[in-house]
């Protein structure tokens, strides 16, 4: 993901993770949710290596990614 989109989407992603943690905790499933997040963090380096290979072979503009997510350029 280009840096500009990371800056835009990262706070939203973190907010959603926090919201989901609160929701699962209220249902007494917070530990399960937390373990799932920790497992995803452990696998992150492998995913990033695979992602780098794919991204080196594909190029697209930030505008096309933005539009594919339903956002319109004003």
C-alpha atoms as a PDB file:
ATOM      1  CA  UNK A   1       0.000   0.000   0.000  1.00  0.00           C
ATOM      2  CA  UNK A   2       1.383   3.416  -0.838  1.00  0.00           C
ATOM      3  CA  UNK A   3       2.401   5.515   2.161  1.00  0.00           C
ATOM      4  CA  UNK A   4      -0.347   8.091   1.586  1.00  0.00           C
ATOM      5  CA  UNK A   5      -3.075   5.442   1.766  1.00  0.00           C
ATOM      6  CA  UNK A   6      -1.429   3.836   4.792  1.00  0.00           C
ATOM      7  CA  UNK A   7      -1.571   7.179   6.597  1.00  0.00           C
ATOM      8  CA  UNK A   8      -5.265   7.524   5.689  1.00  0.00           C
ATOM      9  CA  UNK A   9      -6.408   3.986   6.486  1.00  0.00           C
ATOM     10  CA  UNK A  10      -4.226   3.022   9.475  1.00  0.00           C
ATOM     11  CA  UNK A  11      -6.156   5.092  12.070  1.00  0.00           C
ATOM     12  CA  UNK A  12      -9.434   3.627  10.774  1.00  0.00           C
ATOM     13  CA  UNK A  13      -8.025   0.095  10.986  1.00  0.00           C
ATOM     14  CA  UNK A  14      -6.698   0.622  14.518  1.00  0.00           C
ATOM     15  CA  UNK A  15     -10.024   2.131  15.591  1.00  0.00           C
ATOM     16  CA  UNK A  16     -11.928  -0.859  14.221  1.00  0.00           C
ATOM     17  CA  UNK A  17      -9.583  -3.275  16.000  1.00  0.00           C
ATOM     18  CA  UNK A  18     -10.152  -1.417  19.272  1.00  0.00           C
ATOM     19  CA  UNK A  19     -13.929  -1.441  18.718  1.00  0.00           C
ATOM     20  CA  UNK A  20     -13.855  -5.184  17.996  1.00  0.00           C
ATOM     21  CA  UNK A  21     -11.722  -5.830  21.094  1.00  0.00           C
ATOM     22  CA  UNK A  22     -14.279  -3.993  23.237  1.00  0.00           C
ATOM     23  CA  UNK A  23     -17.161  -5.921  21.647  1.00  0.00           C
ATOM     24  CA  UNK A  24     -15.496  -9.313  22.093  1.00  0.00           C
ATOM     25  CA  UNK A  25     -14.479  -8.422  25.652  1.00  0.00           C
ATOM     26  CA  UNK A  26     -18.091  -7.625  26.515  1.00  0.00           C
ATOM     27  CA  UNK A  27     -18.972 -11.143  25.333  1.00  0.00           C
ATOM     28  CA  UNK A  28     -16.145 -12.632  27.401  1.00  0.00           C
ATOM     29  CA  UNK A  29     -14.204 -13.460  24.211  1.00  0.00           C
ATOM     30  CA  UNK A  30     -11.528 -10.768  24.523  1.00  0.00           C
ATOM     31  CA  UNK A  31      -8.730 -13.289  25.119  1.00  0.00           C
ATOM     32  CA  UNK A  32      -9.636 -15.204  21.970  1.00  0.00           C
ATOM     33  CA  UNK A  33      -9.663 -11.991  19.930  1.00  0.00           C
ATOM     34  CA  UNK A  34      -6.334 -10.896  21.411  1.00  0.00           C
ATOM     35  CA  UNK A  35      -4.738 -14.290  20.602  1.00  0.00           C
ATOM     36  CA  UNK A  36      -5.989 -13.997  17.010  1.00  0.00           C
ATOM     37  CA  UNK A  37      -4.413 -10.549  16.701  1.00  0.00           C
ATOM     38  CA  UNK A  38      -1.133 -11.815  18.160  1.00  0.00           C
ATOM     39  CA  UNK A  39      -1.107 -14.745  15.701  1.00  0.00           C
ATOM     40  CA  UNK A  40      -1.576 -12.330  12.823  1.00  0.00           C
ATOM     41  CA  UNK A  41       1.292 -10.172  14.115  1.00  0.00           C
ATOM     42  CA  UNK A  42       3.545 -13.258  14.298  1.00  0.00           C
ATOM     43  CA  UNK A  43       2.784 -14.090  10.663  1.00  0.00           C
ATOM     44  CA  UNK A  44       3.234 -10.514   9.467  1.00  0.00           C
ATOM     45  CA  UNK A  45       6.877 -10.823   8.283  1.00  0.00           C
ATOM     46  CA  UNK A  46       6.043 -13.798   6.029  1.00  0.00           C
ATOM     47  CA  UNK A  47       3.021 -11.998   4.601  1.00  0.00           C
ATOM     48  CA  UNK A  48       5.091  -8.875   3.916  1.00  0.00           C
ATOM     49  CA  UNK A  49       7.756 -10.885   2.040  1.00  0.00           C
ATOM     50  CA  UNK A  50       5.074 -12.462  -0.170  1.00  0.00           C
ATOM     51  CA  UNK A  51       3.372  -9.103  -0.621  1.00  0.00           C
ATOM     52  CA  UNK A  52       6.622  -7.451  -1.697  1.00  0.00           C
ATOM     53  CA  UNK A  53       7.023 -10.029  -4.493  1.00  0.00           C
ATOM     54  CA  UNK A  54       3.504  -9.359  -5.745  1.00  0.00           C
ATOM     55  CA  UNK A  55       3.795  -5.590  -5.483  1.00  0.00           C
ATOM     56  CA  UNK A  56       7.089  -5.530  -7.352  1.00  0.00           C
ATOM     57  CA  UNK A  57       5.254  -6.972 -10.340  1.00  0.00           C
ATOM     58  CA  UNK A  58       2.164  -4.751 -10.162  1.00  0.00           C
ATOM     59  CA  UNK A  59       1.965  -0.996 -10.428  1.00  0.00           C
ATOM     60  CA  UNK A  60      -1.104   1.156 -10.002  1.00  0.00           C
ATOM     61  CA  UNK A  61      -1.864   4.727  -9.049  1.00  0.00           C
ATOM     62  CA  UNK A  62      -3.115   5.913  -5.689  1.00  0.00           C
ATOM     63  CA  UNK A  63      -6.121   7.398  -7.494  1.00  0.00           C
ATOM     64  CA  UNK A  64      -7.179   4.040  -8.939  1.00  0.00           C
ATOM     65  CA  UNK A  65      -6.897   2.362  -5.506  1.00  0.00           C
ATOM     66  CA  UNK A  66      -8.862   5.218  -3.924  1.00  0.00           C
ATOM     67  CA  UNK A  67     -11.615   4.928  -6.560  1.00  0.00           C
ATOM     68  CA  UNK A  68     -11.788   1.141  -6.258  1.00  0.00           C
ATOM     69  CA  UNK A  69     -12.668   1.638  -2.584  1.00  0.00           C
ATOM     70  CA  UNK A  70     -15.697   3.712  -3.573  1.00  0.00           C
ATOM     71  CA  UNK A  71     -14.126   7.107  -2.948  1.00  0.00           C
ATOM     72  CA  UNK A  72     -14.577   9.882  -5.467  1.00  0.00           C
ATOM     73  CA  UNK A  73     -12.013  12.518  -6.338  1.00  0.00           C
ATOM     74  CA  UNK A  74     -13.529  15.972  -5.908  1.00  0.00           C
END
